[in-house]
Amino acid sequence: MSTHDPHIQELITLKTIAETLNESNELTPMLDVVIGKLLELTGLTTGWLFLVEEKRTHEFVAGRNLPPALRREDDEPMRCGSCWCLERYDDGRLKNAVNILNCKRLDNAVRYQWGDTEGITHHATVPLRSGSRRFGVLNVAAPGKLHFSKEELALLESVAYQIGSAIERMRLYAAEQRRADLFARLGEYSSALGAYASQAVSRAELTEQVMSLLGRYFDWPVAALLEPVGQEITLRALYSEGQTTLPHAKFPLADMARTNPDAVKRSAEPGGVPDAQQLADQLVEKGWVAPIRRAVAVPLTVASDSLTGMLLVGYDQYGDQHRADMEVIEAIAEHIGMTLQRIRLEENRRELARMDERNRLARDLHDSVSQTLFSLVMMSKGVGGMIAAEPHEQKSLLQDTIHDIQSLSQSALKEMRELIMQLRPPGLEEGLMTGLKQYGERLKLHVRTHISGMQELPRIAEEALWRIGQEALNNVSKHADTKEVTVALSLQNDEAELRIEDQGRGITKQRWKELTRHSIGLSSMRERAESLGGQFRLYSVHREGTIIEVAIPLRAVTTEKGGITDDPIVNS
């Protein structure tokens, strides 16, 4: 049988292409070799191939014998801009091999005098696919060839289908290799995170370490921990460009992530990627990260469907790499959620132990030291009466001594009562705002109060706001150089916010630097808020006053499911 028979030549072509495709598992070199073989077997001179991952995006991955006009400046005409064949591919009109009447890239080469086109004006375009999946387009041409026959187009379609199947096979193979590698890294990551979590002092440190380890063990260019807070999404921690930061920035977003955990789960699926991409686009828009081409987000849920946060992973290139990564990303999110939950519960346990110890100490001080001091005051008064009958020359000296004893004992008794009040505040029996107002008045402050909303505060939240309010009022009394202060409490269904504002002298930049490093009071206020999954902010302008804002999520307190927390002090 003659090899010049078109059908025999077609079989030879398909057999040779199939053998070539099976010789390599590296995609780009394989595609270049296949185009060369195809040109050799068909008598065509020029061919090139685009891979398309997303609409309006393409990658020039292989080309053989391109004319000088298309090779200029490192193939710039092929890498940049679109063309008619890609536009047809994007809008779904390119379903089979077709003749392109002329080539936009070649037209531009002639119009803008980019160089010699070697007589090529037209080409055939073939979509690359495997089953329902599409991968890009293959173009072939020859000088002076203006039309391809049906037989030629049918052969090109068969070759394109072989190439598409090979691309699918290679990607599946690469995905399996990557999945195996990621699971190995996951084991190392889990071990490292567990070791650190056992020694972590606060969730702030643990959250930062979570992201640092993520960057150490995995190759994702961007990773972020986000948390729904009220009507906003808060960026708690970010890994990008090899660094971990805690921006604590907020941005509004549709309620899809805040109210519906299933929507976040769907964001990891092909149909739900726009939700994750919307989150990523916010990060890019704010300038926190470089452009993210693909993003996936999975929820941090523990023991229920209650959404406490999200792990977002971003890629700087288009592609389906996320498909191989999803199982590992979900496992990481689950591990992070459990780790943060564990340390939150441990912090709550320690806080309850501290509260019990304070109450015990308050009772002991009241029953022992306070009573002893009171007895000392009464005894000194009695002795003062007894020495009234002493000779005049001794009476004056004794009276002075007794007076000193009375003054010291009364001062000690007053300080002891203040200490007992600090340990076991009686003002809370009448409510948080009444207690803060009375406490401020004892500090000689004029306290204006304002309450909005009706909501019963959990005991642990009320205790935390009381302690923070005490410290804030003490700071006003000692440092603000004003007696006027406003205390406002806003109660909502899911959050309680305490705001303490004065119009005093504020904080200088130099003093601010010292406070952020050494202030125990500010640190304690921030830690109390964070221990309940809340946020602490301080705004201060020199000579204009200071504002302290504390927000505690009541959902997290009442259900014992806190989120990822660590809001900084902010100086404006």
Protein backbone atom coordinates (compact mmCIF):
# COMPACT_ATOMS: atom_id res chain seq x y z
CA MET A 1 0.00 0.00 0.00
CA SER A 2 1.46 3.34 -1.06
CA THR A 3 2.42 5.77 1.66
CA HIS A 4 1.23 8.53 -0.68
CA ASP A 5 -2.34 7.46 0.01
CA PRO A 6 -3.84 10.38 2.05
CA HIS A 7 -5.43 8.01 4.56
CA ILE A 8 -2.16 6.16 5.11
CA GLN A 9 -0.34 9.47 5.54
CA GLU A 10 -2.98 10.56 8.06
CA LEU A 11 -2.49 7.38 10.10
CA ILE A 12 1.29 7.84 10.01
CA THR A 13 0.88 11.41 11.21
CA LEU A 14 -1.38 10.45 14.10
CA LYS A 15 0.88 7.54 15.10
CA THR A 16 4.00 9.73 15.07
CA ILE A 17 2.29 12.47 17.06
CA ALA A 18 1.05 9.94 19.64
CA GLU A 19 4.56 8.49 20.05
CA THR A 20 6.04 11.98 20.40
CA LEU A 21 3.48 12.94 23.05
CA ASN A 22 4.39 9.88 25.11
CA GLU A 23 8.11 10.61 25.13
CA SER A 24 8.02 13.40 27.74
CA ASN A 25 6.24 14.51 30.89
CA GLU A 26 7.40 18.13 30.59
CA LEU A 27 4.70 20.16 28.92
CA THR A 28 6.43 23.06 27.17
CA PRO A 29 9.32 21.09 25.58
CA MET A 30 6.85 18.42 24.47
CA LEU A 31 4.56 20.95 22.76
CA ASP A 32 7.49 22.48 20.87
CA VAL A 33 8.61 19.06 19.61
CA VAL A 34 5.06 18.07 18.61
CA ILE A 35 4.59 21.22 16.54
CA GLY A 36 7.86 20.46 14.77
CA LYS A 37 6.73 16.90 14.00
CA LEU A 38 3.34 18.11 12.78
CA LEU A 39 4.92 20.60 10.39
CA GLU A 40 7.30 17.96 9.10
CA LEU A 41 4.53 15.42 8.40
CA THR A 42 2.03 17.87 6.86
CA GLY A 43 4.39 19.95 4.75
CA LEU A 44 3.44 23.16 6.55
CA THR A 45 6.17 25.58 7.58
CA THR A 46 5.00 27.52 10.65
CA GLY A 47 3.07 26.69 13.81
CA TRP A 48 2.43 28.17 17.22
CA LEU A 49 0.35 27.34 20.26
CA PHE A 50 -1.43 29.35 22.97
CA LEU A 51 -2.59 27.94 26.30
CA VAL A 52 -5.65 29.69 27.73
CA GLU A 53 -6.47 29.36 31.43
CA GLU A 54 -8.91 32.24 31.84
CA LYS A 55 -10.96 34.33 29.47
CA ARG A 56 -9.02 37.23 27.95
CA THR A 57 -5.73 35.72 29.06
CA HIS A 58 -3.35 33.56 27.06
CA GLU A 59 0.19 32.26 27.22
CA PHE A 60 2.38 31.78 24.15
CA VAL A 61 4.11 28.49 24.97
CA ALA A 62 5.50 27.11 21.70
CA GLY A 63 6.30 28.22 18.18
CA ARG A 64 8.25 26.80 15.21
CA ASN A 65 9.69 28.75 12.27
CA LEU A 66 7.92 32.00 13.07
CA PRO A 67 8.66 34.78 10.58
CA PRO A 68 10.98 37.58 11.79
CA ALA A 69 8.04 39.97 12.13
CA LEU A 70 6.54 37.78 14.88
CA ARG A 71 9.86 37.00 16.58
CA ARG A 72 10.87 40.60 17.18
CA GLU A 73 11.78 41.70 20.70
CA ASP A 74 11.64 38.21 22.21
CA ASP A 75 8.34 37.21 20.53
CA GLU A 76 6.59 40.34 21.78
CA PRO A 77 3.84 40.24 19.05
CA MET A 78 2.93 36.71 20.20
CA ARG A 79 3.00 37.41 23.94
CA CYS A 80 1.03 40.63 23.95
CA GLY A 81 -2.39 41.51 22.67
CA SER A 82 -5.24 39.35 21.48
CA CYS A 83 -6.27 38.25 18.00
CA TRP A 84 -9.34 37.06 16.15
CA CYS A 85 -8.78 33.36 16.79
CA LEU A 86 -8.38 33.88 20.56
CA GLU A 87 -11.43 36.15 20.63
CA ARG A 88 -13.49 33.42 18.94
CA TYR A 89 -12.10 30.88 21.42
CA ASP A 90 -13.01 33.09 24.40
CA ASP A 91 -16.60 33.72 23.35
CA GLY A 92 -17.21 30.06 22.49
CA ARG A 93 -17.48 30.37 18.71
CA LEU A 94 -14.31 28.35 18.04
CA LYS A 95 -15.53 24.78 18.46
CA ASN A 96 -13.75 23.02 15.57
CA ALA A 97 -10.76 23.53 13.29
CA VAL A 98 -11.41 26.51 10.99
CA ASN A 99 -9.77 28.65 8.33
CA ILE A 100 -8.87 32.12 9.54
CA LEU A 101 -9.30 34.48 6.60
CA ASN A 102 -6.30 36.47 7.70
CA CYS A 103 -4.22 36.91 10.85
CA LYS A 104 -4.49 40.03 12.98
CA ARG A 105 -0.92 39.63 14.24
CA LEU A 106 0.39 39.37 10.67
CA ASP A 107 -1.79 42.30 9.60
CA ASN A 108 -0.28 44.37 12.40
CA ALA A 109 3.21 43.25 11.37
CA VAL A 110 2.62 44.61 7.88
CA ARG A 111 0.84 47.77 9.05
CA TYR A 112 3.48 48.72 11.61
CA GLN A 113 6.43 47.38 9.59
CA TRP A 114 7.64 44.95 12.25
CA GLY A 115 9.62 42.96 9.69
CA ASP A 116 9.39 40.19 7.12
CA THR A 117 6.33 37.93 7.31
CA GLU A 118 7.85 35.51 4.76
CA GLY A 119 4.66 35.45 2.70
CA ILE A 120 2.44 34.11 5.48
CA THR A 121 -0.95 35.85 5.63
CA HIS A 122 -3.45 33.16 6.67
CA HIS A 123 -3.52 30.21 9.08
CA ALA A 124 -5.74 27.45 10.36
CA THR A 125 -6.89 27.56 13.99
CA VAL A 126 -7.71 24.45 16.02
CA PRO A 127 -9.04 24.38 19.61
CA LEU A 128 -7.18 22.06 22.01
CA ARG A 129 -9.49 20.01 24.19
CA SER A 130 -9.92 16.74 26.04
CA GLY A 131 -13.53 15.78 26.58
CA SER A 132 -15.30 18.91 27.81
CA ARG A 133 -12.13 20.64 28.99
CA ARG A 134 -10.45 23.20 26.77
CA PHE A 135 -6.79 24.20 26.93
CA GLY A 136 -6.04 26.67 24.15
CA VAL A 137 -5.51 26.94 20.37
CA LEU A 138 -3.06 25.57 17.81
CA ASN A 139 -2.29 27.63 14.70
CA VAL A 140 -0.48 26.35 11.57
CA ALA A 141 0.40 28.14 8.33
CA ALA A 142 2.55 28.15 5.21
CA PRO A 143 3.62 30.91 2.79
CA GLY A 144 0.95 31.55 0.16
CA LYS A 145 -1.51 29.06 1.71
CA LEU A 146 -4.89 30.79 1.91
CA HIS A 147 -7.18 27.85 2.54
CA PHE A 148 -7.20 24.46 4.30
CA SER A 149 -9.34 21.60 2.96
CA LYS A 150 -11.86 19.71 5.07
CA GLU A 151 -9.50 16.73 5.17
CA GLU A 152 -6.64 18.91 6.41
CA LEU A 153 -8.82 20.48 9.08
CA ALA A 154 -10.07 17.03 10.19
CA LEU A 155 -6.48 15.82 10.58
CA LEU A 156 -5.58 18.96 12.55
CA GLU A 157 -8.58 18.37 14.82
CA SER A 158 -7.42 14.80 15.52
CA VAL A 159 -3.90 16.01 16.31
CA ALA A 160 -5.29 18.77 18.53
CA TYR A 161 -7.38 16.22 20.43
CA GLN A 162 -4.24 14.11 20.98
CA ILE A 163 -2.38 17.17 22.25
CA GLY A 164 -5.30 18.07 24.54
CA SER A 165 -5.40 14.56 25.99
CA ALA A 166 -1.64 14.67 26.57
CA ILE A 167 -1.95 18.04 28.34
CA GLU A 168 -4.69 16.60 30.55
CA ARG A 169 -2.57 13.55 31.35
CA MET A 170 0.48 15.64 32.23
CA ARG A 171 -1.50 17.95 34.43
CA LEU A 172 -3.10 15.05 36.28
CA TYR A 173 0.32 13.52 36.80
CA ALA A 174 1.75 16.83 38.02
CA ALA A 175 -1.26 17.33 40.30
CA GLU A 176 -0.76 13.93 41.93
CA GLN A 177 2.91 14.62 42.47
CA ARG A 178 2.13 18.02 43.95
CA ARG A 179 -0.61 16.59 46.18
CA ALA A 180 1.78 13.98 47.56
CA ASP A 181 4.42 16.64 48.19
CA LEU A 182 1.93 18.96 49.91
CA PHE A 183 0.69 16.24 52.24
CA ALA A 184 4.29 15.53 53.25
CA ARG A 185 4.75 19.23 54.00
CA LEU A 186 1.45 19.25 55.87
CA GLY A 187 2.82 16.70 58.33
CA GLU A 188 5.88 18.87 58.98
CA TYR A 189 3.74 22.00 59.29
CA SER A 190 1.38 20.36 61.79
CA SER A 191 4.27 19.16 63.93
CA ALA A 192 5.93 22.57 63.96
CA LEU A 193 2.67 24.38 64.73
CA GLY A 194 1.79 21.95 67.52
CA ALA A 195 5.21 22.43 69.13
CA TYR A 196 4.87 26.21 69.02
CA ALA A 197 1.25 26.22 70.20
CA SER A 198 2.22 24.33 73.36
CA GLN A 199 4.48 27.27 74.32
CA ALA A 200 2.52 30.20 72.91
CA VAL A 201 1.68 32.97 75.37
CA SER A 202 -1.07 34.69 73.39
CA ARG A 203 -3.15 34.25 70.28
CA ALA A 204 -1.39 37.25 68.74
CA GLU A 205 1.93 35.41 68.79
CA LEU A 206 0.31 32.17 67.70
CA THR A 207 -1.51 33.81 64.78
CA GLU A 208 1.73 35.33 63.52
CA GLN A 209 3.49 31.98 63.83
CA VAL A 210 0.66 30.22 61.97
CA MET A 211 1.33 32.39 58.92
CA SER A 212 5.14 32.33 59.20
CA LEU A 213 5.12 28.54 59.22
CA LEU A 214 2.71 28.56 56.28
CA GLY A 215 5.22 30.55 54.28
CA ARG A 216 8.08 28.29 55.38
CA TYR A 217 6.52 24.97 54.40
CA PHE A 218 4.40 25.92 51.37
CA ASP A 219 5.03 27.84 48.17
CA TRP A 220 1.86 29.92 47.98
CA PRO A 221 2.78 33.55 47.28
CA VAL A 222 -0.11 34.92 49.37
CA ALA A 223 -2.00 33.55 52.36
CA ALA A 224 -4.32 35.43 54.69
CA LEU A 225 -6.43 34.85 57.79
CA LEU A 226 -9.69 36.77 57.67
CA GLU A 227 -12.53 37.03 60.15
CA PRO A 228 -16.10 38.28 59.77
CA VAL A 229 -16.76 40.99 62.38
CA GLY A 230 -20.17 42.59 62.26
CA GLN A 231 -20.77 43.85 58.73
CA GLU A 232 -17.12 43.77 57.77
CA ILE A 233 -14.29 41.39 56.98
CA THR A 234 -11.18 41.90 59.11
CA LEU A 235 -7.76 40.96 57.80
CA ARG A 236 -6.07 39.44 60.85
CA ALA A 237 -2.81 38.10 59.43
CA LEU A 238 -1.11 38.16 56.05
CA TYR A 239 1.78 36.29 54.47
CA SER A 240 3.12 37.92 51.30
CA GLU A 241 6.53 38.39 49.69
CA GLY A 242 8.21 36.26 52.34
CA GLN A 243 6.96 38.32 55.29
CA THR A 244 4.21 37.90 57.87
CA THR A 245 2.28 40.94 59.06
CA LEU A 246 -0.77 41.56 61.25
CA PRO A 247 -2.57 44.39 59.41
CA HIS A 248 -5.90 44.10 61.31
CA ALA A 249 -7.47 46.09 58.51
CA LYS A 250 -11.19 46.04 57.81
CA PHE A 251 -13.15 46.28 54.60
CA PRO A 252 -16.87 45.87 53.90
CA LEU A 253 -17.97 42.88 51.89
CA ALA A 254 -21.22 41.21 50.88
CA ASP A 255 -22.81 39.15 53.61
CA MET A 256 -21.90 35.89 51.86
CA ALA A 257 -18.96 35.15 54.15
CA ARG A 258 -20.37 36.60 57.36
CA THR A 259 -23.74 34.87 57.38
CA ASN A 260 -23.32 31.75 55.29
CA PRO A 261 -20.39 29.38 55.89
CA ASP A 262 -21.54 27.25 52.97
CA ALA A 263 -20.90 30.17 50.64
CA VAL A 264 -17.29 30.21 51.77
CA LYS A 265 -17.00 26.49 51.24
CA ARG A 266 -18.36 26.95 47.73
CA SER A 267 -15.75 29.62 47.07
CA ALA A 268 -13.23 26.82 46.78
CA GLU A 269 -15.18 25.26 43.95
CA PRO A 270 -15.02 26.40 40.32
CA GLY A 271 -18.45 28.00 40.47
CA GLY A 272 -17.64 29.82 43.72
CA VAL A 273 -14.17 31.15 42.97
CA PRO A 274 -15.49 34.72 42.39
CA ASP A 275 -16.34 34.91 46.11
CA ALA A 276 -12.74 34.12 47.06
CA GLN A 277 -11.52 36.30 44.23
CA GLN A 278 -13.58 39.16 45.59
CA LEU A 279 -11.75 38.86 48.89
CA ALA A 280 -8.40 38.75 47.07
CA ASP A 281 -9.27 41.76 44.94
CA GLN A 282 -9.92 43.76 48.12
CA LEU A 283 -6.42 42.93 49.35
CA VAL A 284 -4.93 43.98 46.01
CA GLU A 285 -6.99 47.16 45.89
CA LYS A 286 -5.76 48.20 49.34
CA GLY A 287 -2.17 47.64 48.25
CA TRP A 288 -1.43 44.85 50.72
CA VAL A 289 -0.46 42.29 48.08
CA ALA A 290 0.59 42.08 44.44
CA PRO A 291 -2.05 41.06 41.88
CA ILE A 292 -3.68 37.71 42.68
CA ARG A 293 -4.73 35.79 39.57
CA ARG A 294 -6.54 32.97 41.37
CA ALA A 295 -7.77 32.69 44.95
CA VAL A 296 -9.48 30.08 47.09
CA ALA A 297 -10.93 30.44 50.59
CA VAL A 298 -11.93 27.82 53.10
CA PRO A 299 -13.61 28.30 56.49
CA LEU A 300 -12.06 27.86 59.92
CA THR A 301 -14.89 26.04 61.66
CA VAL A 302 -14.58 24.05 64.86
CA ALA A 303 -17.10 21.49 66.12
CA SER A 304 -19.99 23.17 64.31
CA ASP A 305 -20.98 25.14 61.24
CA SER A 306 -20.29 28.41 63.02
CA LEU A 307 -17.90 30.45 60.91
CA THR A 308 -15.06 31.89 62.98
CA GLY A 309 -12.65 32.82 60.21
CA MET A 310 -11.31 32.04 56.77
CA LEU A 311 -8.01 30.96 55.28
CA LEU A 312 -7.43 32.53 51.88
CA VAL A 313 -4.69 31.32 49.54
CA GLY A 314 -3.73 33.37 46.48
CA TYR A 315 -1.81 32.48 43.35
CA ASP A 316 0.07 34.92 41.14
CA GLN A 317 -0.59 32.91 37.96
CA TYR A 318 -3.66 31.58 36.25
CA GLY A 319 -4.12 27.83 36.20
CA ASP A 320 -5.76 24.94 37.98
CA GLN A 321 -3.03 24.38 40.55
CA HIS A 322 -5.58 25.13 43.27
CA ARG A 323 -7.43 21.94 42.40
CA ALA A 324 -4.52 19.82 43.59
CA ASP A 325 -4.03 22.04 46.64
CA MET A 326 -7.60 22.13 47.94
CA GLU A 327 -7.46 19.04 50.17
CA VAL A 328 -4.32 20.32 51.88
CA ILE A 329 -5.68 23.86 52.23
CA GLU A 330 -8.82 22.50 53.88
CA ALA A 331 -6.74 20.32 56.23
CA ILE A 332 -4.56 23.32 57.16
CA ALA A 333 -7.64 25.46 57.84
CA GLU A 334 -9.07 22.78 60.11
CA HIS A 335 -5.78 22.45 61.98
CA ILE A 336 -5.46 26.24 62.39
CA GLY A 337 -9.03 26.47 63.64
CA MET A 338 -8.51 23.77 66.26
CA THR A 339 -5.18 25.24 67.37
CA LEU A 340 -6.59 28.74 67.84
CA GLN A 341 -9.66 27.31 69.55
CA ARG A 342 -7.48 25.39 71.97
CA ILE A 343 -5.43 28.40 73.01
CA ARG A 344 -8.59 30.52 73.32
CA LEU A 345 -10.11 27.99 75.69
CA GLU A 346 -6.87 27.90 77.66
CA GLU A 347 -6.91 31.70 77.94
CA ASN A 348 -10.51 31.58 79.19
CA ARG A 349 -9.57 28.92 81.73
CA ARG A 350 -6.71 31.08 83.01
CA GLU A 351 -8.97 34.13 83.16
CA LEU A 352 -11.59 32.27 85.20
CA ALA A 353 -8.85 31.04 87.54
CA ARG A 354 -7.61 34.63 87.96
CA MET A 355 -11.13 35.83 88.72
CA ASP A 356 -11.63 33.14 91.34
CA GLU A 357 -8.27 33.96 92.90
CA ARG A 358 -9.08 37.68 92.98
CA ASN A 359 -12.39 36.96 94.71
CA ARG A 360 -10.68 34.69 97.26
CA LEU A 361 -7.98 37.29 97.89
CA ALA A 362 -10.58 40.02 98.31
CA ARG A 363 -12.43 37.96 100.92
CA ASP A 364 -9.20 37.15 102.77
CA LEU A 365 -8.06 40.77 102.79
CA HIS A 366 -11.43 41.92 104.04
CA ASP A 367 -11.56 39.29 106.77
CA SER A 368 -7.99 39.70 107.97
CA VAL A 369 -5.84 42.67 107.00
CA SER A 370 -8.72 45.13 106.60
CA GLN A 371 -10.19 44.20 110.01
CA THR A 372 -6.75 44.45 111.63
CA LEU A 373 -6.20 47.93 110.21
CA PHE A 374 -9.61 49.01 111.43
CA SER A 375 -8.80 47.69 114.90
CA LEU A 376 -5.52 49.63 114.81
CA VAL A 377 -7.40 52.85 114.03
CA MET A 378 -9.78 52.31 116.95
CA MET A 379 -7.00 51.36 119.35
CA SER A 380 -5.01 54.49 118.47
CA LYS A 381 -8.06 56.61 119.22
CA GLY A 382 -8.46 54.86 122.57
CA VAL A 383 -4.84 55.41 123.48
CA GLY A 384 -5.25 59.07 122.61
CA GLY A 385 -7.93 59.36 125.25
CA MET A 386 -5.87 57.53 127.86
CA ILE A 387 -2.90 59.85 127.59
CA ALA A 388 -5.00 62.92 128.23
CA ALA A 389 -4.21 62.56 131.95
CA GLU A 390 -0.47 62.40 131.44
CA PRO A 391 1.81 65.30 132.51
CA HIS A 392 1.85 68.17 130.02
CA GLU A 393 5.51 67.73 129.04
CA GLN A 394 4.87 64.11 127.89
CA LYS A 395 1.37 64.65 126.60
CA SER A 396 2.43 66.67 123.55
CA LEU A 397 4.98 64.10 122.39
CA LEU A 398 2.60 61.17 122.88
CA GLN A 399 -0.24 62.95 121.16
CA ASP A 400 1.93 63.66 118.12
CA THR A 401 2.96 60.01 117.96
CA ILE A 402 -0.62 58.79 118.28
CA HIS A 403 -1.73 61.27 115.63
CA ASP A 404 0.86 59.87 113.23
CA ILE A 405 -0.30 56.31 113.96
CA GLN A 406 -3.91 57.32 113.30
CA SER A 407 -3.02 59.03 110.01
CA LEU A 408 -0.97 56.09 108.75
CA SER A 409 -3.54 53.48 109.77
CA GLN A 410 -6.41 55.45 108.20
CA SER A 411 -4.41 55.88 105.00
CA ALA A 412 -3.56 52.16 104.94
CA LEU A 413 -7.20 51.26 105.58
CA LYS A 414 -8.33 53.51 102.71
CA GLU A 415 -5.80 51.95 100.32
CA MET A 416 -6.78 48.45 101.42
CA ARG A 417 -10.45 49.16 100.75
CA GLU A 418 -9.53 50.50 97.30
CA LEU A 419 -7.56 47.34 96.64
CA ILE A 420 -10.47 45.16 97.72
CA MET A 421 -12.77 47.20 95.50
CA GLN A 422 -10.36 46.65 92.57
CA LEU A 423 -10.28 42.91 93.21
CA ARG A 424 -14.01 42.50 93.77
CA PRO A 425 -15.79 45.58 92.38
CA PRO A 426 -19.03 46.23 94.24
CA GLY A 427 -20.16 48.76 91.62
CA LEU A 428 -21.08 46.01 89.16
CA GLU A 429 -24.06 44.97 91.27
CA GLU A 430 -25.74 48.14 89.97
CA GLY A 431 -24.56 47.69 86.38
CA LEU A 432 -21.42 48.37 84.38
CA MET A 433 -22.10 52.02 83.56
CA THR A 434 -23.18 52.88 87.11
CA GLY A 435 -20.04 51.22 88.44
CA LEU A 436 -17.79 53.15 86.02
CA LYS A 437 -19.54 56.45 86.78
CA GLN A 438 -19.15 55.95 90.54
CA TYR A 439 -15.54 54.88 90.12
CA GLY A 440 -14.77 57.97 88.03
CA GLU A 441 -16.41 60.23 90.59
CA ARG A 442 -14.22 58.74 93.32
CA LEU A 443 -11.30 59.82 91.15
CA LYS A 444 -12.77 63.38 91.15
CA LEU A 445 -13.80 63.08 87.48
CA HIS A 446 -17.00 64.39 85.95
CA VAL A 447 -18.27 61.35 84.02
CA ARG A 448 -20.94 61.68 81.31
CA THR A 449 -22.48 58.35 80.35
CA HIS A 450 -24.45 57.21 77.33
CA ILE A 451 -26.02 53.81 76.66
CA SER A 452 -27.56 52.57 73.42
CA GLY A 453 -29.21 49.20 72.89
CA MET A 454 -30.68 46.63 75.22
CA GLN A 455 -28.65 43.48 75.77
CA GLU A 456 -27.66 41.48 78.84
CA LEU A 457 -23.90 41.25 79.09
CA PRO A 458 -22.33 37.89 79.94
CA ARG A 459 -20.50 38.01 83.27
CA ILE A 460 -17.07 37.51 81.73
CA ALA A 461 -17.64 40.29 79.15
CA GLU A 462 -18.94 42.70 81.80
CA GLU A 463 -15.92 41.94 84.00
CA ALA A 464 -13.51 42.60 81.13
CA LEU A 465 -15.16 45.91 80.17
CA TRP A 466 -15.18 46.95 83.85
CA ARG A 467 -11.45 46.35 84.22
CA ILE A 468 -10.66 48.12 80.96
CA GLY A 469 -12.90 51.05 81.95
CA GLN A 470 -11.18 51.32 85.34
CA GLU A 471 -7.75 51.48 83.76
CA ALA A 472 -8.90 54.02 81.19
CA LEU A 473 -10.44 56.29 83.88
CA ASN A 474 -7.28 55.99 85.97
CA ASN A 475 -5.26 57.16 82.95
CA VAL A 476 -7.59 60.15 82.49
CA SER A 477 -7.23 61.06 86.17
CA LYS A 478 -3.44 60.79 86.16
CA HIS A 479 -2.41 61.98 82.71
CA ALA A 480 -5.14 63.77 80.75
CA ASP A 481 -5.07 67.05 82.67
CA THR A 482 -8.87 67.25 82.49
CA LYS A 483 -11.77 66.26 84.71
CA GLU A 484 -14.28 65.80 81.88
CA VAL A 485 -14.71 62.32 80.41
CA THR A 486 -17.42 60.60 78.38
CA VAL A 487 -18.18 56.90 78.70
CA ALA A 488 -20.46 55.35 76.06
CA LEU A 489 -21.69 51.76 75.84
CA SER A 490 -23.27 50.40 72.66
CA LEU A 491 -25.04 47.04 72.94
CA GLN A 492 -25.96 45.08 69.82
CA ASN A 493 -27.08 41.51 69.31
CA ASP A 494 -23.60 40.30 68.44
CA GLU A 495 -21.26 42.91 69.94
CA ALA A 496 -20.71 45.23 72.91
CA GLU A 497 -18.61 48.35 72.37
CA LEU A 498 -17.25 50.58 75.15
CA ARG A 499 -15.90 54.02 74.23
CA ILE A 500 -14.07 56.31 76.69
CA GLU A 501 -13.20 59.77 75.43
CA ASP A 502 -11.55 62.84 76.95
CA GLN A 503 -10.53 66.20 75.53
CA GLY A 504 -7.29 66.34 77.52
CA ARG A 505 -3.71 66.87 76.48
CA GLY A 506 -3.38 63.65 74.49
CA ILE A 507 -0.14 61.81 73.88
CA THR A 508 3.02 63.12 72.23
CA LYS A 509 4.82 61.03 69.62
CA GLN A 510 7.77 60.46 71.95
CA ARG A 511 5.49 59.40 74.80
CA TRP A 512 3.59 57.21 72.38
CA LYS A 513 6.73 55.26 71.49
CA GLU A 514 7.45 54.69 75.18
CA LEU A 515 3.90 53.53 75.88
CA THR A 516 3.76 51.04 73.02
CA ARG A 517 6.91 49.39 74.39
CA HIS A 518 6.52 49.62 78.15
CA SER A 519 2.94 50.43 79.19
CA ILE A 520 1.56 47.66 81.37
CA GLY A 521 -1.84 49.37 81.57
CA LEU A 522 -2.33 49.55 77.80
CA SER A 523 -1.10 46.00 77.38
CA SER A 524 -3.50 44.70 80.02
CA MET A 525 -6.46 46.46 78.39
CA ARG A 526 -5.59 45.04 74.99
CA GLU A 527 -5.04 41.54 76.40
CA ARG A 528 -8.38 41.56 78.23
CA ALA A 529 -10.21 42.44 75.01
CA GLU A 530 -8.30 39.91 72.95
CA SER A 531 -8.90 37.12 75.46
CA LEU A 532 -12.61 37.29 74.55
CA GLY A 533 -12.05 37.55 70.81
CA GLY A 534 -12.45 41.33 70.91
CA GLN A 535 -10.58 44.37 69.67
CA PHE A 536 -8.85 47.24 71.44
CA ARG A 537 -8.03 50.56 69.81
CA LEU A 538 -6.56 53.77 71.16
CA TYR A 539 -6.61 57.03 69.21
CA SER A 540 -4.74 60.03 70.53
CA VAL A 541 -3.77 63.44 69.17
CA HIS A 542 -1.49 65.70 71.20
CA ARG A 543 -3.44 68.55 72.84
CA GLU A 544 -6.74 67.23 71.41
CA GLY A 545 -7.52 64.27 73.62
CA THR A 546 -7.66 60.50 73.66
CA ILE A 547 -10.27 57.91 72.67
CA ILE A 548 -10.30 54.29 73.76
CA GLU A 549 -12.58 51.85 71.95
CA VAL A 550 -13.18 48.25 73.01
CA ALA A 551 -15.40 45.86 71.06
CA ILE A 552 -16.23 42.38 72.36
CA PRO A 553 -18.24 39.94 70.21
CA LEU A 554 -21.06 38.60 72.35
CA ARG A 555 -21.64 35.65 70.04
CA ALA A 556 -18.10 34.45 70.70
CA VAL A 557 -18.49 34.94 74.46
CA THR A 558 -21.87 33.32 74.87
CA THR A 559 -21.15 30.31 72.64
CA GLU A 560 -17.51 30.00 73.70
CA LYS A 561 -16.37 30.21 70.08
CA GLY A 562 -13.97 33.08 69.70
CA GLY A 563 -12.26 34.13 66.50
CA ILE A 564 -8.71 35.03 65.63
CA THR A 565 -7.88 38.19 67.56
CA ASP A 566 -5.10 40.66 67.93
CA ASP A 567 -5.99 44.29 67.20
CA PRO A 568 -3.24 46.82 67.75
CA ILE A 569 -3.25 50.18 69.42
CA VAL A 570 -3.72 52.79 66.70
CA ASN A 571 -2.23 56.28 66.91
CA SER A 572 -3.70 58.90 64.63
